[in-house]
Amino acid sequence: MDQKALIEAKKVLDEYLEKNNLRKTKQRYDILDIIYSQTEHFTVDELDFLIKTKNIKISRATLYNTIDLLEKLDLIKKHKFNSKISFYEKSFYQKKHSHIICRTCGKIIEFCDPRLFRIQEDIAEYYKFAISDSEIIFYGECQECINKRESGKENNKKTKK
């Protein structure tokens, strides 16, 4: 876990709660701790499961409200990834990155290629546009799923003979 990111994220949350006269509840900080211990993208259901495995009592309403708050504060980022399900990832102190997603198994790979960001800058300059956010996602099939599919075809050929 990136302790520095968690400490800074807690400061952002503290400041917001104080400024808006909102309570600093243990549940909000527990949720933030669990999120910042994650290394992968997660859904609310997966987060709820993690909370339960740690024997922390948090209602679904509190969970959803806290997720909304953390997203508003840019402490987490929400992705749809061409799906009805929302995926989240911690975003404070995280490098800008893009995603590759396997349409077969759902594997998500993060990558950073500076060439993509230079292209974005060139586009912004050419069109005289101040780009505030972007998301680059590539969809396809991972090598493991390709291998499974191809080995399945081989097995079908053998059984038909």
N, C-alpha and C. Protein backbone atom coordinates (compact mmCIF):
# COMPACT_ATOMS: atom_id res chain seq x y z
N MET A 1 0.86 -1.19 0.00
CA MET A 1 0.00 0.00 0.00
C MET A 1 0.89 1.24 0.00
N ASP A 2 0.50 2.21 -0.78
CA ASP A 2 1.22 3.48 -0.83
C ASP A 2 0.76 4.35 0.33
N GLN A 3 1.54 4.31 1.42
CA GLN A 3 1.15 5.04 2.64
C GLN A 3 1.08 6.54 2.41
N LYS A 4 1.99 7.07 1.58
CA LYS A 4 2.01 8.51 1.33
C LYS A 4 0.70 8.94 0.65
N ALA A 5 0.26 8.17 -0.33
CA ALA A 5 -0.99 8.49 -1.01
C ALA A 5 -2.17 8.43 -0.04
N LEU A 6 -2.18 7.41 0.81
CA LEU A 6 -3.27 7.27 1.79
C LEU A 6 -3.27 8.45 2.77
N ILE A 7 -2.12 8.83 3.26
CA ILE A 7 -2.03 9.96 4.20
C ILE A 7 -2.53 11.24 3.55
N GLU A 8 -2.12 11.49 2.32
CA GLU A 8 -2.54 12.70 1.61
C GLU A 8 -4.04 12.65 1.29
N ALA A 9 -4.53 11.46 0.91
CA ALA A 9 -5.96 11.31 0.63
C ALA A 9 -6.79 11.60 1.89
N LYS A 10 -6.30 11.13 3.03
CA LYS A 10 -7.00 11.40 4.30
C LYS A 10 -7.02 12.90 4.60
N LYS A 11 -5.94 13.60 4.27
CA LYS A 11 -5.90 15.05 4.48
C LYS A 11 -6.95 15.75 3.62
N VAL A 12 -7.08 15.32 2.37
CA VAL A 12 -8.09 15.90 1.48
C VAL A 12 -9.48 15.66 2.05
N LEU A 13 -9.73 14.44 2.49
CA LEU A 13 -11.03 14.10 3.07
C LEU A 13 -11.27 14.92 4.34
N ASP A 14 -10.27 15.00 5.22
CA ASP A 14 -10.38 15.80 6.46
C ASP A 14 -10.78 17.24 6.14
N GLU A 15 -10.04 17.85 5.23
CA GLU A 15 -10.29 19.26 4.90
C GLU A 15 -11.71 19.46 4.38
N TYR A 16 -12.16 18.56 3.52
CA TYR A 16 -13.50 18.68 2.96
C TYR A 16 -14.56 18.54 4.06
N LEU A 17 -14.40 17.54 4.90
CA LEU A 17 -15.38 17.31 5.97
C LEU A 17 -15.43 18.50 6.93
N GLU A 18 -14.27 19.02 7.29
CA GLU A 18 -14.22 20.18 8.19
C GLU A 18 -14.86 21.41 7.55
N LYS A 19 -14.49 21.66 6.32
CA LYS A 19 -15.00 22.84 5.59
C LYS A 19 -16.52 22.81 5.45
N ASN A 20 -17.07 21.61 5.31
CA ASN A 20 -18.50 21.46 5.09
C ASN A 20 -19.26 21.02 6.34
N ASN A 21 -18.61 21.11 7.49
CA ASN A 21 -19.23 20.74 8.77
C ASN A 21 -19.86 19.35 8.74
N LEU A 22 -19.12 18.40 8.16
CA LEU A 22 -19.58 17.01 8.11
C LEU A 22 -18.77 16.19 9.13
N ARG A 23 -19.38 15.14 9.60
CA ARG A 23 -18.74 14.31 10.62
C ARG A 23 -17.61 13.47 10.03
N LYS A 24 -16.55 13.34 10.81
CA LYS A 24 -15.43 12.47 10.44
C LYS A 24 -15.70 11.09 11.03
N THR A 25 -16.45 10.30 10.29
CA THR A 25 -16.84 8.99 10.82
C THR A 25 -15.77 7.94 10.55
N LYS A 26 -15.70 6.98 11.45
CA LYS A 26 -14.75 5.87 11.30
C LYS A 26 -15.03 5.11 10.00
N GLN A 27 -16.32 4.96 9.65
CA GLN A 27 -16.68 4.22 8.44
C GLN A 27 -16.08 4.84 7.18
N ARG A 28 -16.12 6.16 7.09
CA ARG A 28 -15.55 6.82 5.90
C ARG A 28 -14.06 6.51 5.78
N TYR A 29 -13.37 6.58 6.90
CA TYR A 29 -11.93 6.33 6.89
C TYR A 29 -11.60 4.85 6.68
N ASP A 30 -12.45 3.96 7.21
CA ASP A 30 -12.27 2.53 6.96
C ASP A 30 -12.39 2.24 5.46
N ILE A 31 -13.37 2.82 4.82
CA ILE A 31 -13.57 2.62 3.38
C ILE A 31 -12.36 3.14 2.61
N LEU A 32 -11.90 4.33 2.97
CA LEU A 32 -10.73 4.90 2.30
C LEU A 32 -9.50 4.00 2.49
N ASP A 33 -9.29 3.50 3.70
CA ASP A 33 -8.16 2.60 3.97
C ASP A 33 -8.22 1.35 3.08
N ILE A 34 -9.39 0.75 3.00
CA ILE A 34 -9.53 -0.47 2.21
C ILE A 34 -9.29 -0.17 0.73
N ILE A 35 -9.84 0.93 0.24
CA ILE A 35 -9.65 1.30 -1.17
C ILE A 35 -8.17 1.50 -1.47
N TYR A 36 -7.48 2.21 -0.59
CA TYR A 36 -6.07 2.50 -0.86
C TYR A 36 -5.14 1.31 -0.59
N SER A 37 -5.70 0.21 -0.10
CA SER A 37 -4.91 -1.02 0.02
C SER A 37 -5.05 -1.88 -1.24
N GLN A 38 -5.96 -1.50 -2.13
CA GLN A 38 -6.20 -2.26 -3.35
C GLN A 38 -5.13 -1.99 -4.40
N THR A 39 -4.81 -3.03 -5.16
CA THR A 39 -3.86 -2.86 -6.26
C THR A 39 -4.57 -3.01 -7.61
N GLU A 40 -5.81 -3.45 -7.57
CA GLU A 40 -6.58 -3.68 -8.80
C GLU A 40 -7.83 -2.79 -8.81
N HIS A 41 -8.50 -2.75 -9.94
CA HIS A 41 -9.79 -2.07 -10.03
C HIS A 41 -10.79 -2.91 -9.24
N PHE A 42 -11.84 -2.28 -8.76
CA PHE A 42 -12.80 -2.99 -7.93
C PHE A 42 -14.20 -2.44 -8.18
N THR A 43 -15.19 -3.26 -7.86
CA THR A 43 -16.59 -2.85 -7.92
C THR A 43 -17.06 -2.56 -6.50
N VAL A 44 -18.21 -1.96 -6.37
CA VAL A 44 -18.77 -1.72 -5.04
C VAL A 44 -19.04 -3.05 -4.33
N ASP A 45 -19.52 -4.04 -5.08
CA ASP A 45 -19.78 -5.35 -4.47
C ASP A 45 -18.49 -5.97 -3.94
N GLU A 46 -17.41 -5.86 -4.69
CA GLU A 46 -16.13 -6.40 -4.22
C GLU A 46 -15.64 -5.65 -2.98
N LEU A 47 -15.83 -4.34 -2.99
CA LEU A 47 -15.45 -3.54 -1.84
C LEU A 47 -16.29 -3.92 -0.62
N ASP A 48 -17.59 -4.10 -0.83
CA ASP A 48 -18.48 -4.51 0.25
C ASP A 48 -18.05 -5.86 0.83
N PHE A 49 -17.66 -6.77 -0.04
CA PHE A 49 -17.18 -8.09 0.40
C PHE A 49 -15.92 -7.94 1.26
N LEU A 50 -14.98 -7.11 0.81
CA LEU A 50 -13.75 -6.88 1.58
C LEU A 50 -14.05 -6.30 2.96
N ILE A 51 -14.99 -5.37 3.00
CA ILE A 51 -15.38 -4.75 4.27
C ILE A 51 -15.93 -5.82 5.22
N LYS A 52 -16.77 -6.69 4.70
CA LYS A 52 -17.36 -7.75 5.52
C LYS A 52 -16.31 -8.74 6.01
N THR A 53 -15.31 -9.05 5.16
CA THR A 53 -14.28 -10.01 5.58
C THR A 53 -13.42 -9.43 6.70
N LYS A 54 -13.39 -8.12 6.82
CA LYS A 54 -12.63 -7.47 7.89
C LYS A 54 -13.51 -7.20 9.12
N ASN A 55 -14.74 -7.74 9.08
CA ASN A 55 -15.70 -7.59 10.18
C ASN A 55 -15.97 -6.13 10.53
N ILE A 56 -16.02 -5.29 9.51
CA ILE A 56 -16.35 -3.88 9.70
C ILE A 56 -17.82 -3.72 9.33
N LYS A 57 -18.57 -3.06 10.18
CA LYS A 57 -20.00 -2.87 9.94
C LYS A 57 -20.24 -1.53 9.24
N ILE A 58 -20.59 -1.61 7.96
CA ILE A 58 -20.89 -0.42 7.15
C ILE A 58 -22.10 -0.75 6.30
N SER A 59 -23.11 0.09 6.35
CA SER A 59 -24.31 -0.14 5.54
C SER A 59 -24.01 0.13 4.07
N ARG A 60 -24.83 -0.45 3.19
CA ARG A 60 -24.66 -0.20 1.75
C ARG A 60 -24.85 1.29 1.45
N ALA A 61 -25.80 1.93 2.15
CA ALA A 61 -26.04 3.36 1.92
C ALA A 61 -24.78 4.17 2.26
N THR A 62 -24.16 3.86 3.39
CA THR A 62 -22.93 4.55 3.78
C THR A 62 -21.83 4.28 2.76
N LEU A 63 -21.75 3.05 2.30
CA LEU A 63 -20.74 2.69 1.31
C LEU A 63 -20.93 3.51 0.03
N TYR A 64 -22.16 3.52 -0.49
CA TYR A 64 -22.43 4.26 -1.73
C TYR A 64 -22.22 5.77 -1.54
N ASN A 65 -22.65 6.30 -0.42
CA ASN A 65 -22.46 7.73 -0.16
C ASN A 65 -20.98 8.09 -0.06
N THR A 66 -20.21 7.22 0.57
CA THR A 66 -18.78 7.47 0.70
C THR A 66 -18.08 7.35 -0.65
N ILE A 67 -18.46 6.37 -1.44
CA ILE A 67 -17.91 6.23 -2.80
C ILE A 67 -18.17 7.50 -3.60
N ASP A 68 -19.41 8.00 -3.54
CA ASP A 68 -19.75 9.24 -4.26
C ASP A 68 -18.89 10.40 -3.78
N LEU A 69 -18.70 10.50 -2.48
CA LEU A 69 -17.90 11.59 -1.91
C LEU A 69 -16.44 11.47 -2.35
N LEU A 70 -15.87 10.28 -2.28
CA LEU A 70 -14.47 10.09 -2.67
C LEU A 70 -14.26 10.36 -4.15
N GLU A 71 -15.27 10.02 -4.95
CA GLU A 71 -15.19 10.32 -6.39
C GLU A 71 -15.24 11.84 -6.61
N LYS A 72 -16.12 12.51 -5.90
CA LYS A 72 -16.24 13.97 -6.00
C LYS A 72 -14.92 14.65 -5.64
N LEU A 73 -14.20 14.09 -4.67
CA LEU A 73 -12.94 14.66 -4.20
C LEU A 73 -11.75 14.20 -5.05
N ASP A 74 -12.01 13.46 -6.11
CA ASP A 74 -10.96 12.90 -6.98
C ASP A 74 -10.00 11.98 -6.24
N LEU A 75 -10.49 11.32 -5.22
CA LEU A 75 -9.67 10.35 -4.50
C LEU A 75 -9.81 8.96 -5.10
N ILE A 76 -10.91 8.77 -5.85
CA ILE A 76 -11.10 7.55 -6.64
C ILE A 76 -11.63 7.96 -8.00
N LYS A 77 -11.44 7.09 -8.97
CA LYS A 77 -11.94 7.35 -10.32
C LYS A 77 -12.87 6.21 -10.70
N LYS A 78 -13.96 6.58 -11.33
CA LYS A 78 -14.96 5.61 -11.76
C LYS A 78 -14.80 5.34 -13.25
N HIS A 79 -14.89 4.06 -13.62
CA HIS A 79 -14.82 3.65 -15.03
C HIS A 79 -16.02 2.75 -15.33
N LYS A 80 -16.54 2.86 -16.52
CA LYS A 80 -17.60 1.94 -16.96
C LYS A 80 -17.03 0.81 -17.81
N PHE A 81 -15.95 1.05 -18.51
CA PHE A 81 -15.31 0.04 -19.34
C PHE A 81 -16.30 -0.69 -20.24
N ASN A 82 -17.18 0.08 -20.89
CA ASN A 82 -18.13 -0.48 -21.85
C ASN A 82 -19.02 -1.54 -21.19
N SER A 83 -19.39 -1.29 -19.94
CA SER A 83 -20.14 -2.25 -19.15
C SER A 83 -21.18 -1.52 -18.32
N LYS A 84 -22.17 -2.25 -17.85
CA LYS A 84 -23.16 -1.65 -16.95
C LYS A 84 -22.61 -1.55 -15.54
N ILE A 85 -21.55 -2.30 -15.26
CA ILE A 85 -20.95 -2.32 -13.93
C ILE A 85 -19.90 -1.22 -13.84
N SER A 86 -19.92 -0.48 -12.72
CA SER A 86 -18.91 0.54 -12.50
C SER A 86 -17.71 -0.06 -11.79
N PHE A 87 -16.54 0.25 -12.30
CA PHE A 87 -15.29 -0.14 -11.67
C PHE A 87 -14.64 1.12 -11.12
N TYR A 88 -13.91 0.96 -10.04
CA TYR A 88 -13.25 2.10 -9.41
C TYR A 88 -11.77 1.78 -9.22
N GLU A 89 -11.00 2.83 -9.08
CA GLU A 89 -9.60 2.69 -8.71
C GLU A 89 -9.19 3.92 -7.92
N LYS A 90 -8.24 3.73 -7.02
CA LYS A 90 -7.73 4.88 -6.29
C LYS A 90 -7.07 5.80 -7.30
N SER A 91 -7.14 7.09 -7.06
CA SER A 91 -6.61 8.00 -8.08
C SER A 91 -5.67 9.06 -7.52
N PHE A 92 -5.59 9.20 -6.22
CA PHE A 92 -4.72 10.23 -5.66
C PHE A 92 -3.28 9.77 -5.74
N TYR A 93 -2.42 10.60 -6.31
CA TYR A 93 -1.00 10.30 -6.52
C TYR A 93 -0.78 9.18 -7.53
N GLN A 94 -1.76 8.89 -8.35
CA GLN A 94 -1.59 7.85 -9.35
C GLN A 94 -1.20 8.50 -10.68
N LYS A 95 -0.29 7.85 -11.38
CA LYS A 95 0.13 8.36 -12.68
C LYS A 95 -1.02 8.20 -13.67
N LYS A 96 -1.11 9.15 -14.59
CA LYS A 96 -2.10 9.06 -15.67
C LYS A 96 -1.76 7.81 -16.47
N HIS A 97 -2.76 7.01 -16.74
CA HIS A 97 -2.54 5.77 -17.46
C HIS A 97 -3.75 5.43 -18.31
N SER A 98 -3.57 4.44 -19.15
CA SER A 98 -4.63 3.95 -20.02
C SER A 98 -4.90 2.50 -19.67
N HIS A 99 -5.90 1.92 -20.32
CA HIS A 99 -6.30 0.55 -19.99
C HIS A 99 -6.45 -0.31 -21.24
N ILE A 100 -6.15 -1.59 -21.08
CA ILE A 100 -6.44 -2.62 -22.07
C ILE A 100 -7.36 -3.60 -21.36
N ILE A 101 -8.48 -3.95 -22.01
CA ILE A 101 -9.46 -4.81 -21.36
C ILE A 101 -9.79 -6.00 -22.25
N CYS A 102 -9.72 -7.19 -21.66
CA CYS A 102 -10.08 -8.41 -22.38
C CYS A 102 -11.60 -8.55 -22.35
N ARG A 103 -12.20 -8.61 -23.51
CA ARG A 103 -13.66 -8.76 -23.59
C ARG A 103 -14.11 -10.17 -23.20
N THR A 104 -13.21 -11.12 -23.15
CA THR A 104 -13.58 -12.50 -22.82
C THR A 104 -13.58 -12.74 -21.32
N CYS A 105 -12.47 -12.42 -20.65
CA CYS A 105 -12.37 -12.72 -19.21
C CYS A 105 -12.49 -11.48 -18.32
N GLY A 106 -12.41 -10.30 -18.92
CA GLY A 106 -12.55 -9.07 -18.14
C GLY A 106 -11.25 -8.56 -17.53
N LYS A 107 -10.14 -9.21 -17.84
CA LYS A 107 -8.84 -8.77 -17.31
C LYS A 107 -8.61 -7.31 -17.70
N ILE A 108 -8.11 -6.53 -16.73
CA ILE A 108 -7.81 -5.12 -16.97
C ILE A 108 -6.32 -4.91 -16.76
N ILE A 109 -5.68 -4.35 -17.76
CA ILE A 109 -4.25 -4.05 -17.67
C ILE A 109 -4.08 -2.55 -17.80
N GLU A 110 -3.33 -1.98 -16.86
CA GLU A 110 -3.01 -0.55 -16.93
C GLU A 110 -1.66 -0.41 -17.61
N PHE A 111 -1.54 0.63 -18.43
CA PHE A 111 -0.24 0.91 -19.04
C PHE A 111 -0.11 2.41 -19.22
N CYS A 112 1.12 2.84 -19.32
CA CYS A 112 1.41 4.25 -19.53
C CYS A 112 2.35 4.37 -20.71
N ASP A 113 1.91 5.08 -21.73
CA ASP A 113 2.75 5.30 -22.90
C ASP A 113 2.76 6.80 -23.18
N PRO A 114 3.89 7.45 -22.95
CA PRO A 114 3.96 8.90 -23.12
C PRO A 114 3.58 9.38 -24.53
N ARG A 115 3.71 8.50 -25.52
CA ARG A 115 3.33 8.90 -26.88
C ARG A 115 1.85 9.26 -26.97
N LEU A 116 1.01 8.53 -26.23
CA LEU A 116 -0.42 8.83 -26.25
C LEU A 116 -0.71 10.22 -25.68
N PHE A 117 0.02 10.58 -24.66
CA PHE A 117 -0.20 11.89 -24.03
C PHE A 117 0.35 13.02 -24.90
N ARG A 118 1.42 12.72 -25.65
CA ARG A 118 1.91 13.73 -26.61
C ARG A 118 0.89 13.94 -27.72
N ILE A 119 0.26 12.86 -28.17
CA ILE A 119 -0.79 12.99 -29.18
C ILE A 119 -1.93 13.83 -28.64
N GLN A 120 -2.32 13.60 -27.40
CA GLN A 120 -3.39 14.40 -26.78
C GLN A 120 -3.00 15.88 -26.75
N GLU A 121 -1.77 16.16 -26.38
CA GLU A 121 -1.31 17.55 -26.36
C GLU A 121 -1.34 18.16 -27.75
N ASP A 122 -0.92 17.39 -28.76
CA ASP A 122 -0.94 17.87 -30.15
C ASP A 122 -2.37 18.16 -30.60
N ILE A 123 -3.29 17.29 -30.25
CA ILE A 123 -4.70 17.48 -30.61
C ILE A 123 -5.24 18.73 -29.94
N ALA A 124 -4.94 18.90 -28.66
CA ALA A 124 -5.40 20.08 -27.92
C ALA A 124 -4.87 21.36 -28.56
N GLU A 125 -3.60 21.33 -28.93
CA GLU A 125 -3.00 22.52 -29.55
C GLU A 125 -3.61 22.79 -30.93
N TYR A 126 -3.75 21.75 -31.72
CA TYR A 126 -4.29 21.91 -33.08
C TYR A 126 -5.71 22.48 -33.07
N TYR A 127 -6.55 21.95 -32.16
CA TYR A 127 -7.94 22.38 -32.12
C TYR A 127 -8.18 23.53 -31.14
N LYS A 128 -7.10 24.03 -30.53
CA LYS A 128 -7.21 25.14 -29.56
C LYS A 128 -8.23 24.75 -28.48
N PHE A 129 -7.93 23.65 -27.84
CA PHE A 129 -8.86 23.07 -26.88
C PHE A 129 -8.13 22.79 -25.58
N ALA A 130 -8.71 23.15 -24.46
CA ALA A 130 -8.13 22.85 -23.15
C ALA A 130 -8.73 21.53 -22.66
N ILE A 131 -8.00 20.46 -22.86
CA ILE A 131 -8.48 19.14 -22.46
C ILE A 131 -8.29 18.99 -20.95
N SER A 132 -9.38 18.72 -20.25
CA SER A 132 -9.29 18.59 -18.79
C SER A 132 -9.19 17.14 -18.34
N ASP A 133 -9.64 16.21 -19.17
CA ASP A 133 -9.60 14.81 -18.80
C ASP A 133 -9.69 13.98 -20.06
N SER A 134 -9.16 12.79 -19.99
CA SER A 134 -9.27 11.88 -21.13
C SER A 134 -9.17 10.45 -20.61
N GLU A 135 -9.64 9.55 -21.42
CA GLU A 135 -9.57 8.14 -21.06
C GLU A 135 -9.35 7.35 -22.33
N ILE A 136 -8.27 6.61 -22.35
CA ILE A 136 -7.95 5.79 -23.52
C ILE A 136 -8.08 4.33 -23.09
N ILE A 137 -8.95 3.62 -23.78
CA ILE A 137 -9.21 2.22 -23.45
C ILE A 137 -9.14 1.40 -24.73
N PHE A 138 -8.37 0.34 -24.70
CA PHE A 138 -8.30 -0.60 -25.81
C PHE A 138 -9.01 -1.88 -25.38
N TYR A 139 -9.86 -2.41 -26.25
CA TYR A 139 -10.57 -3.65 -25.97
C TYR A 139 -10.07 -4.73 -26.92
N GLY A 140 -10.03 -5.94 -26.44
CA GLY A 140 -9.59 -7.05 -27.27
C GLY A 140 -9.66 -8.33 -26.49
N GLU A 141 -8.71 -9.22 -26.78
CA GLU A 141 -8.68 -10.51 -26.11
C GLU A 141 -7.25 -10.77 -25.66
N CYS A 142 -7.10 -11.16 -24.40
CA CYS A 142 -5.77 -11.41 -23.85
C CYS A 142 -5.22 -12.74 -24.39
N GLN A 143 -3.92 -12.90 -24.27
CA GLN A 143 -3.26 -14.09 -24.81
C GLN A 143 -3.78 -15.37 -24.15
N GLU A 144 -4.07 -15.33 -22.86
CA GLU A 144 -4.59 -16.53 -22.18
C GLU A 144 -5.92 -16.97 -22.78
N CYS A 145 -6.81 -16.01 -23.05
CA CYS A 145 -8.11 -16.35 -23.63
C CYS A 145 -7.96 -16.82 -25.08
N ILE A 146 -7.03 -16.22 -25.82
CA ILE A 146 -6.76 -16.67 -27.20
C ILE A 146 -6.27 -18.11 -27.16
N ASN A 147 -5.34 -18.41 -26.25
CA ASN A 147 -4.81 -19.78 -26.14
C ASN A 147 -5.91 -20.77 -25.78
N LYS A 148 -6.79 -20.41 -24.84
CA LYS A 148 -7.89 -21.31 -24.45
C LYS A 148 -8.82 -21.55 -25.63
N ARG A 149 -9.15 -20.47 -26.34
CA ARG A 149 -10.06 -20.59 -27.49
C ARG A 149 -9.44 -21.47 -28.56
N GLU A 150 -8.15 -21.26 -28.85
CA GLU A 150 -7.48 -22.03 -29.90
C GLU A 150 -7.29 -23.48 -29.49
N SER A 151 -7.01 -23.72 -28.21
CA SER A 151 -6.87 -25.12 -27.78
C SER A 151 -8.23 -25.81 -27.79
N GLY A 152 -9.30 -25.06 -27.57
CA GLY A 152 -10.65 -25.62 -27.67
C GLY A 152 -10.98 -26.00 -29.10
N LYS A 153 -10.53 -25.21 -30.06
CA LYS A 153 -10.74 -25.53 -31.48
C LYS A 153 -9.99 -26.80 -31.85
N GLU A 154 -8.75 -26.94 -31.34
CA GLU A 154 -7.95 -28.13 -31.61
C GLU A 154 -8.63 -29.37 -31.05
N ASN A 155 -9.15 -29.26 -29.82
CA ASN A 155 -9.83 -30.39 -29.20
C ASN A 155 -11.08 -30.78 -29.99
N ASN A 156 -11.81 -29.77 -30.52
CA ASN A 156 -13.00 -30.06 -31.32
C ASN A 156 -12.63 -30.77 -32.61
N LYS A 157 -11.52 -30.39 -33.24
CA LYS A 157 -11.08 -31.04 -34.48
C LYS A 157 -10.74 -32.49 -34.22
N LYS A 158 -10.08 -32.77 -33.08
CA LYS A 158 -9.68 -34.14 -32.75
C LYS A 158 -10.88 -35.02 -32.48
N THR A 159 -11.91 -34.48 -31.80
CA THR A 159 -13.08 -35.30 -31.48
C THR A 159 -13.97 -35.52 -32.70
N LYS A 160 -13.89 -34.67 -33.73
CA LYS A 160 -14.71 -34.83 -34.93
C LYS A 160 -14.13 -35.87 -35.86
N LYS A 161 -12.83 -36.19 -35.74
CA LYS A 161 -12.19 -37.14 -36.64
C LYS A 161 -12.59 -38.55 -36.37
